[in-house]
Amino acid sequence: MIRLGVIGYGGRIQGVINLMNRLNAGTEVVAITDVRNDDIKKQMADKGADPSKVTFYDNPDEMLDKEKLDGVMIGTRCSLHTKMALKVLSRNLPLYLEKPIATNMDDLVRLRDAAAKTKSEVVVSFPLRVTPLVKMAKEIVDSGKIGRVEHVEAWNDVPYAWCYYLQWYRDENETQGLFLQKATHDFDYINHLLGFKPTMVCAMTSKQIYKGDKPAGLKCKDCTDWETCAESPFHLYYSKQERSEVAPNDLMCGFAVDTGNEDSGSAIVRYDTGMHVNYSQNFFARKGAGRRGCRLFGYLGTVEFDWYTDELKVYMHQTPRVESYKMDTHAMSHGGGDTVLVDSFIRVIRGEGKSVSPLSAGLLSVLMCLKAKESDATNTFQPIVWPDGQDMV
């Protein structure tokens, strides 16, 4: 049996564990560290699981010292990812680490330095890079079919983004902005596809929709504007029919003075070949306006894919031919990428392979996001370099 410990038993990491269980790979969560242990025990019991088979801890060091673990999964809130990862890396255990792996430069440098000393193999939660769409796109790019990629246009128009303004994600002390929450995925899969080194970034964000003068701390259940506010649970469910599990008591006002996070952002990234990537993300697109994907332009052709349509197309430039490929991944978590990550983590624990989403990729992606944030804050171009001058990972 593969004995797993979990630090931060949140919804996202629970979903990953459920996928792992479906693989019947002999894994079992034997220990959990969380601040909500009593709630977790009740939740497990309500779902028919036996919480007595799990040892619960309030302190992650105690769990790591007492338990004989084969691997650790970290699913805390974002601001704690680095702190908890450092504890695991110091013990040289295989690690599954949620993104973003850090939310500030000090933490990122500490994680980089720890990575140079540890024997831990890390699987970073970057599912997009291992989805069937990206796998096919990389095969085409690496084959030379479209020539060397000389330009990229990428987009992420998020139709479910109410969670970044109506729930705890609105707290920028936790998120540190939406480049770190969303673009970290996109920068990673783009880096993976290109194989080039990013050297410079300029970025800009806007906050045009999710702002207002409602009082801080206002919850939807205490507001009188249910019928007129388009973000109220009434309209989210009855008018837009976006969600059937809206919990009004948990939703915060998206138009209050304490609503955090930008609602759109763009970045231009230069790479060492001289080409550049144009990336944009938007958080008030809805329904059919949702899309996530990119176009990679070479001299001989263009590859385009979108996870929302589950399609990839190749437009040949020198011949009147368009190739279309249709995937079937809508029922799969993160377009099929999460299952690949879970399989990789299991194989890492067994000593059967290296991570398909290594810590070095997470370090680079966060560095790009932090530099994009700095560019936006200072209205400057920012070189993508470590503050102490060390070489790029």
Protein backbone atom coordinates (compact mmCIF):
# COMPACT_ATOMS: atom_id res chain seq x y z
CA MET A 1 0.00 0.00 0.00
CA ILE A 2 1.16 3.54 -0.83
CA ARG A 3 0.74 5.63 2.34
CA LEU A 4 -0.14 9.26 1.65
CA GLY A 5 -0.28 12.27 3.92
CA VAL A 6 -2.29 15.38 3.07
CA ILE A 7 -1.60 18.91 4.26
CA GLY A 8 -4.69 21.01 3.58
CA TYR A 9 -7.63 18.78 2.73
CA GLY A 10 -9.41 21.28 0.46
CA GLY A 11 -11.87 20.69 -2.34
CA ARG A 12 -9.28 20.72 -5.10
CA ILE A 13 -6.99 18.14 -3.46
CA GLN A 14 -10.00 15.97 -2.63
CA GLY A 15 -10.87 15.87 -6.31
CA VAL A 16 -7.34 14.76 -7.15
CA ILE A 17 -7.50 12.05 -4.47
CA ASN A 18 -10.81 10.80 -5.90
CA LEU A 19 -9.16 10.44 -9.31
CA MET A 20 -6.28 8.58 -7.70
CA ASN A 21 -8.68 6.15 -6.06
CA ARG A 22 -10.23 5.35 -9.44
CA LEU A 23 -6.87 4.13 -10.69
CA ASN A 24 -6.84 1.35 -8.08
CA ALA A 25 -3.13 1.90 -7.61
CA GLY A 26 -3.05 0.86 -3.98
CA THR A 27 -2.94 4.38 -2.53
CA GLU A 28 -4.49 5.32 0.79
CA VAL A 29 -4.63 8.60 2.67
CA VAL A 30 -3.51 7.63 6.16
CA ALA A 31 -2.89 11.08 7.67
CA ILE A 32 -4.35 14.57 7.28
CA THR A 33 -3.23 17.91 8.68
CA ASP A 34 -5.84 20.65 8.52
CA VAL A 35 -7.40 23.40 10.63
CA ARG A 36 -10.86 21.89 9.99
CA ASN A 37 -10.32 18.34 11.21
CA ASP A 38 -13.70 17.96 12.92
CA ASP A 39 -15.52 19.18 9.82
CA ILE A 40 -13.49 16.84 7.63
CA LYS A 41 -14.32 13.83 9.80
CA LYS A 42 -18.03 14.64 9.53
CA GLN A 43 -17.72 15.17 5.80
CA MET A 44 -16.05 11.80 5.39
CA ALA A 45 -18.68 10.05 7.48
CA ASP A 46 -21.48 11.70 5.51
CA LYS A 47 -19.95 10.29 2.32
CA GLY A 48 -19.72 6.80 3.75
CA ALA A 49 -15.97 6.83 4.47
CA ASP A 50 -14.49 5.80 7.79
CA PRO A 51 -12.54 8.72 9.35
CA SER A 52 -11.16 6.42 12.04
CA LYS A 53 -8.82 4.95 9.40
CA VAL A 54 -7.11 8.35 9.10
CA THR A 55 -4.89 9.95 11.72
CA PHE A 56 -5.61 13.66 12.01
CA TYR A 57 -3.02 16.27 12.99
CA ASP A 58 -3.09 19.95 13.80
CA ASN A 59 0.62 20.35 13.07
CA PRO A 60 2.22 19.30 9.76
CA ASP A 61 5.64 18.72 11.32
CA GLU A 62 4.13 16.29 13.79
CA MET A 63 2.48 14.38 10.96
CA LEU A 64 5.66 14.28 8.88
CA ASP A 65 7.76 13.18 11.86
CA LYS A 66 5.40 10.51 13.22
CA GLU A 67 3.95 8.95 10.08
CA LYS A 68 5.78 6.60 7.73
CA LEU A 69 4.66 8.23 4.47
CA ASP A 70 5.43 7.34 0.87
CA GLY A 71 4.27 10.70 -0.45
CA VAL A 72 2.61 13.97 0.55
CA MET A 73 -0.05 16.10 -1.12
CA ILE A 74 -0.42 19.81 -0.37
CA GLY A 75 -3.81 21.46 -0.87
CA THR A 76 -3.74 24.39 1.55
CA ARG A 77 -4.71 27.90 0.61
CA CYS A 78 -2.23 29.49 -1.76
CA SER A 79 -0.29 31.59 0.74
CA LEU A 80 0.81 28.43 2.58
CA HIS A 81 1.94 26.36 -0.41
CA THR A 82 5.61 27.31 -0.09
CA LYS A 83 5.76 27.03 3.70
CA MET A 84 4.31 23.52 3.63
CA ALA A 85 6.33 22.45 0.60
CA LEU A 86 9.58 23.39 2.33
CA LYS A 87 8.72 21.01 5.18
CA VAL A 88 8.20 18.14 2.74
CA LEU A 89 11.27 18.91 0.63
CA SER A 90 13.47 18.91 3.73
CA ARG A 91 12.34 15.32 4.36
CA ASN A 92 12.99 14.25 0.73
CA LEU A 93 9.49 12.85 0.23
CA PRO A 94 7.65 12.71 -3.13
CA LEU A 95 5.34 15.71 -3.28
CA TYR A 96 2.15 16.67 -5.12
CA LEU A 97 1.96 20.46 -4.89
CA GLU A 98 -0.98 22.64 -5.82
CA LYS A 99 -0.44 25.81 -7.83
CA PRO A 100 0.60 28.55 -7.49
CA ILE A 101 3.60 27.08 -5.73
CA ALA A 102 4.42 30.53 -4.26
CA THR A 103 2.67 33.89 -4.05
CA ASN A 104 5.60 36.25 -3.45
CA MET A 105 9.23 36.54 -4.49
CA ASP A 106 10.72 35.75 -1.07
CA ASP A 107 8.84 32.46 -0.90
CA LEU A 108 9.71 31.65 -4.49
CA VAL A 109 13.44 32.12 -3.90
CA ARG A 110 13.26 29.99 -0.74
CA LEU A 111 11.54 27.25 -2.73
CA ARG A 112 14.11 27.50 -5.52
CA ASP A 113 16.96 27.13 -3.03
CA ALA A 114 15.28 24.17 -1.33
CA ALA A 115 14.74 22.50 -4.70
CA ALA A 116 18.50 22.54 -5.29
CA LYS A 117 19.10 20.55 -2.09
CA THR A 118 16.23 18.09 -1.91
CA LYS A 119 15.92 14.59 -3.33
CA SER A 120 12.14 15.01 -3.54
CA GLU A 121 10.50 14.51 -6.90
CA VAL A 122 7.66 17.03 -7.21
CA VAL A 123 4.52 16.92 -9.34
CA VAL A 124 3.15 20.46 -9.67
CA SER A 125 -0.57 20.72 -10.38
CA PHE A 126 -0.26 21.90 -13.99
CA PRO A 127 -2.82 19.67 -15.76
CA LEU A 128 -3.11 21.74 -18.94
CA ARG A 129 0.39 20.81 -20.15
CA VAL A 130 -0.54 17.10 -20.19
CA THR A 131 -4.02 17.27 -21.74
CA PRO A 132 -4.63 15.50 -25.08
CA LEU A 133 -4.96 18.90 -26.79
CA VAL A 134 -1.55 20.14 -25.68
CA LYS A 135 0.03 16.75 -26.29
CA MET A 136 -1.15 16.83 -29.92
CA ALA A 137 -0.15 20.48 -30.33
CA LYS A 138 3.35 19.70 -29.06
CA GLU A 139 3.68 16.74 -31.40
CA ILE A 140 2.82 19.01 -34.33
CA VAL A 141 5.11 21.83 -33.19
CA ASP A 142 8.03 19.50 -32.49
CA SER A 143 7.62 17.79 -35.87
CA GLY A 144 8.44 21.03 -37.66
CA LYS A 145 5.21 20.84 -39.63
CA ILE A 146 4.38 24.52 -39.12
CA GLY A 147 8.01 25.64 -38.93
CA ARG A 148 9.50 27.19 -35.82
CA VAL A 149 6.88 29.01 -33.76
CA GLU A 150 7.39 32.74 -34.25
CA HIS A 151 4.30 34.17 -32.57
CA VAL A 152 1.63 33.07 -30.08
CA GLU A 153 -1.77 34.50 -29.23
CA ALA A 154 -3.30 32.95 -26.10
CA TRP A 155 -6.51 33.64 -24.23
CA ASN A 156 -8.45 32.63 -21.15
CA ASP A 157 -11.96 34.06 -20.97
CA VAL A 158 -13.36 32.58 -17.75
CA PRO A 159 -17.14 32.08 -17.67
CA TYR A 160 -17.25 30.80 -14.05
CA ALA A 161 -15.18 33.56 -12.46
CA TRP A 162 -17.79 34.64 -9.91
CA CYS A 163 -15.79 32.57 -7.40
CA TYR A 164 -12.95 35.12 -7.55
CA TYR A 165 -15.26 37.88 -6.31
CA LEU A 166 -18.05 36.25 -4.31
CA GLN A 167 -16.07 33.74 -2.23
CA TRP A 168 -12.82 33.62 -0.25
CA TYR A 169 -10.75 33.92 -3.44
CA ARG A 170 -11.68 37.63 -3.38
CA ASP A 171 -9.03 38.08 -0.65
CA GLU A 172 -5.92 39.31 -2.47
CA ASN A 173 -3.82 38.50 0.59
CA GLU A 174 -4.44 34.88 -0.43
CA THR A 175 -4.59 35.09 -4.22
CA GLN A 176 -2.07 37.89 -4.87
CA GLY A 177 -3.99 38.58 -8.05
CA LEU A 178 -5.22 36.53 -10.96
CA PHE A 179 -2.00 36.20 -12.91
CA LEU A 180 -0.91 33.84 -10.12
CA GLN A 181 -4.29 32.12 -9.96
CA LYS A 182 -4.93 31.58 -13.66
CA ALA A 183 -2.07 32.69 -15.91
CA THR A 184 0.32 30.43 -14.02
CA HIS A 185 -1.35 27.52 -15.87
CA ASP A 186 -1.25 29.26 -19.24
CA PHE A 187 2.33 30.47 -19.00
CA ASP A 188 3.32 26.92 -18.13
CA TYR A 189 1.68 25.16 -21.05
CA ILE A 190 2.98 27.83 -23.44
CA ASN A 191 6.53 27.40 -22.10
CA HIS A 192 6.08 23.64 -22.46
CA LEU A 193 4.95 23.95 -26.09
CA LEU A 194 7.67 26.41 -27.11
CA GLY A 195 10.72 25.08 -25.31
CA PHE A 196 12.14 28.62 -25.44
CA LYS A 197 13.38 30.78 -22.57
CA PRO A 198 11.18 33.78 -21.54
CA THR A 199 13.27 36.91 -21.09
CA MET A 200 10.97 39.94 -20.72
CA VAL A 201 7.37 40.73 -19.83
CA CYS A 202 5.10 43.75 -19.88
CA ALA A 203 1.61 43.51 -18.42
CA MET A 204 -1.51 45.46 -17.57
CA THR A 205 -4.63 44.73 -15.54
CA SER A 206 -8.02 46.41 -15.20
CA LYS A 207 -10.82 46.33 -12.66
CA GLN A 208 -13.92 47.60 -14.42
CA ILE A 209 -16.78 45.39 -13.26
CA TYR A 210 -16.24 43.89 -9.80
CA LYS A 211 -16.01 47.09 -7.79
CA GLY A 212 -18.49 49.36 -6.05
CA ASP A 213 -19.56 51.13 -2.90
CA LYS A 214 -21.42 48.38 -1.06
CA PRO A 215 -20.21 47.99 2.55
CA ALA A 216 -17.27 45.73 3.30
CA GLY A 217 -18.19 42.25 4.43
CA LEU A 218 -21.67 42.38 2.90
CA LYS A 219 -23.12 38.94 2.13
CA CYS A 220 -25.72 38.24 -0.54
CA LYS A 221 -28.15 36.93 2.10
CA ASP A 222 -28.10 40.34 3.81
CA CYS A 223 -28.56 42.40 0.64
CA THR A 224 -31.88 43.76 -0.61
CA ASP A 225 -30.83 43.78 -4.28
CA TRP A 226 -31.39 40.10 -5.07
CA GLU A 227 -33.73 40.78 -7.98
CA THR A 228 -31.72 43.60 -9.56
CA CYS A 229 -28.14 42.38 -9.00
CA ALA A 230 -26.99 40.15 -11.84
CA GLU A 231 -24.52 38.38 -9.52
CA SER A 232 -27.06 37.47 -6.86
CA PRO A 233 -27.79 33.78 -6.23
CA PHE A 234 -31.27 34.39 -7.70
CA HIS A 235 -29.85 35.37 -11.08
CA LEU A 236 -26.89 33.01 -10.99
CA TYR A 237 -29.31 30.13 -10.79
CA TYR A 238 -32.72 31.18 -12.12
CA SER A 239 -31.78 33.68 -14.82
CA LYS A 240 -28.34 32.54 -15.97
CA GLN A 241 -28.78 28.94 -14.78
CA GLU A 242 -25.06 28.78 -14.12
CA ARG A 243 -25.07 26.68 -10.97
CA SER A 244 -27.51 24.44 -9.14
CA GLU A 245 -25.54 24.32 -5.89
CA VAL A 246 -25.33 28.02 -5.07
CA ALA A 247 -25.10 28.51 -1.31
CA PRO A 248 -26.42 32.05 -0.71
CA ASN A 249 -25.18 32.19 2.88
CA ASP A 250 -21.61 31.74 1.67
CA LEU A 251 -21.61 34.34 -1.10
CA MET A 252 -20.15 37.82 -0.64
CA CYS A 253 -21.13 40.97 -2.51
CA GLY A 254 -19.06 41.38 -5.66
CA PHE A 255 -19.67 45.12 -5.69
CA ALA A 256 -18.47 45.92 -2.18
CA VAL A 257 -15.49 48.09 -1.32
CA ASP A 258 -13.53 45.04 -0.17
CA THR A 259 -13.94 43.02 -3.38
CA GLY A 260 -10.42 42.12 -4.50
CA ASN A 261 -8.80 40.94 -7.75
CA GLU A 262 -8.59 42.54 -11.16
CA ASP A 263 -11.22 41.42 -13.68
CA SER A 264 -9.07 41.42 -16.81
CA GLY A 265 -5.38 41.29 -17.56
CA SER A 266 -2.93 41.01 -20.43
CA ALA A 267 0.75 40.23 -20.78
CA ILE A 268 3.26 40.28 -23.62
CA VAL A 269 6.19 37.93 -23.07
CA ARG A 270 9.40 38.02 -25.12
CA TYR A 271 11.46 34.85 -25.57
CA ASP A 272 15.12 34.29 -26.28
CA THR A 273 14.50 33.59 -29.98
CA GLY A 274 13.11 37.11 -30.43
CA MET A 275 9.48 36.01 -30.76
CA HIS A 276 6.77 37.07 -28.35
CA VAL A 277 3.54 35.75 -26.82
CA ASN A 278 0.42 37.85 -26.41
CA TYR A 279 -1.73 36.53 -23.55
CA SER A 280 -5.04 37.89 -22.26
CA GLN A 281 -7.43 36.79 -19.52
CA ASN A 282 -10.92 38.02 -18.76
CA PHE A 283 -13.19 37.27 -15.79
CA PHE A 284 -16.59 38.64 -16.76
CA ALA A 285 -17.16 36.71 -19.98
CA ARG A 286 -20.06 34.30 -19.54
CA LYS A 287 -21.60 31.23 -21.12
CA GLY A 288 -20.70 30.80 -24.80
CA ALA A 289 -18.08 33.56 -24.57
CA GLY A 290 -15.90 31.29 -22.47
CA ARG A 291 -12.73 30.03 -24.16
CA ARG A 292 -9.22 28.94 -23.27
CA GLY A 293 -6.50 28.12 -25.70
CA CYS A 294 -4.05 29.62 -28.13
CA ARG A 295 -2.77 30.02 -31.68
CA LEU A 296 0.84 29.15 -32.46
CA PHE A 297 2.05 30.70 -35.70
CA GLY A 298 4.92 29.38 -37.76
CA TYR A 299 5.91 30.38 -41.28
CA LEU A 300 4.55 27.11 -42.70
CA GLY A 301 1.34 26.88 -40.69
CA THR A 302 -0.72 27.73 -37.62
CA VAL A 303 -1.95 25.47 -34.82
CA GLU A 304 -5.04 26.53 -32.89
CA PHE A 305 -6.81 24.78 -30.00
CA ASP A 306 -9.47 25.57 -27.41
CA TRP A 307 -10.42 23.48 -24.39
CA TYR A 308 -13.99 24.78 -24.51
CA THR A 309 -14.61 23.44 -28.01
CA ASP A 310 -12.27 20.47 -27.42
CA GLU A 311 -10.88 20.99 -30.91
CA LEU A 312 -7.50 21.48 -32.53
CA LYS A 313 -6.97 22.81 -36.04
CA VAL A 314 -3.90 23.06 -38.23
CA TYR A 315 -3.99 25.73 -40.94
CA MET A 316 -1.31 25.10 -43.55
CA HIS A 317 0.05 28.30 -45.08
CA GLN A 318 1.58 26.95 -48.27
CA THR A 319 -1.24 24.64 -49.33
CA PRO A 320 -5.07 24.93 -49.25
CA ARG A 321 -5.48 22.48 -46.38
CA VAL A 322 -7.00 22.70 -42.91
CA GLU A 323 -6.79 19.73 -40.57
CA SER A 324 -9.33 19.41 -37.75
CA TYR A 325 -9.19 17.16 -34.70
CA LYS A 326 -12.00 16.70 -32.21
CA MET A 327 -11.25 15.50 -28.68
CA ASP A 328 -13.71 14.02 -26.22
CA THR A 329 -12.51 15.23 -22.83
CA HIS A 330 -15.41 17.35 -21.52
CA ALA A 331 -16.28 14.78 -18.86
CA MET A 332 -12.67 14.62 -17.68
CA SER A 333 -11.13 16.79 -14.97
CA HIS A 334 -9.14 19.65 -16.50
CA GLY A 335 -9.47 18.19 -19.98
CA GLY A 336 -7.93 14.89 -18.93
CA GLY A 337 -4.81 16.47 -17.46
CA ASP A 338 -5.51 15.69 -13.80
CA THR A 339 -5.54 11.95 -14.43
CA VAL A 340 -2.12 12.17 -16.09
CA LEU A 341 -0.73 14.09 -13.12
CA VAL A 342 -2.11 11.56 -10.67
CA ASP A 343 -0.61 8.70 -12.65
CA SER A 344 2.72 10.52 -12.74
CA PHE A 345 2.69 11.04 -8.96
CA ILE A 346 2.04 7.35 -8.36
CA ARG A 347 4.87 6.38 -10.70
CA VAL A 348 7.19 8.86 -8.98
CA ILE A 349 6.43 7.26 -5.61
CA ARG A 350 7.07 3.81 -7.04
CA GLY A 351 10.36 4.97 -8.56
CA GLU A 352 9.07 4.23 -12.06
CA GLY A 353 9.54 7.66 -13.64
CA LYS A 354 10.14 11.38 -13.38
CA SER A 355 7.47 14.03 -12.87
CA VAL A 356 5.63 15.15 -16.00
CA SER A 357 5.16 18.54 -14.31
CA PRO A 358 8.37 19.26 -12.39
CA LEU A 359 9.07 21.86 -9.74
CA SER A 360 11.29 23.77 -12.17
CA ALA A 361 8.20 24.46 -14.33
CA GLY A 362 6.32 25.78 -11.31
CA LEU A 363 9.20 28.05 -10.34
CA LEU A 364 9.45 29.55 -13.81
CA SER A 365 5.70 30.09 -14.13
CA VAL A 366 5.43 31.91 -10.80
CA LEU A 367 8.49 34.01 -11.61
CA MET A 368 6.77 35.11 -14.83
CA CYS A 369 3.54 35.90 -12.96
CA LEU A 370 5.32 37.94 -10.30
CA LYS A 371 7.21 39.87 -12.95
CA ALA A 372 3.92 40.49 -14.78
CA LYS A 373 2.46 41.84 -11.54
CA GLU A 374 5.48 44.10 -11.09
CA SER A 375 5.20 45.33 -14.65
CA ASP A 376 1.56 46.23 -14.13
CA ALA A 377 2.27 47.98 -10.83
CA THR A 378 5.21 50.03 -12.14
CA ASN A 379 4.25 50.58 -15.80
CA THR A 380 7.58 49.10 -16.87
CA PHE A 381 8.99 46.24 -18.89
CA GLN A 382 10.37 43.62 -16.51
CA PRO A 383 13.23 41.20 -17.25
CA ILE A 384 12.35 37.66 -16.22
CA VAL A 385 15.33 37.09 -13.96
CA TRP A 386 15.88 36.08 -10.35
CA PRO A 387 16.41 39.02 -7.97
CA ASP A 388 19.80 37.62 -6.90
CA GLY A 389 21.00 37.17 -10.46
CA GLN A 390 21.04 33.39 -10.49
CA ASP A 391 20.47 31.64 -13.81
CA MET A 392 16.95 30.78 -14.84
CA VAL A 393 15.65 27.34 -13.82
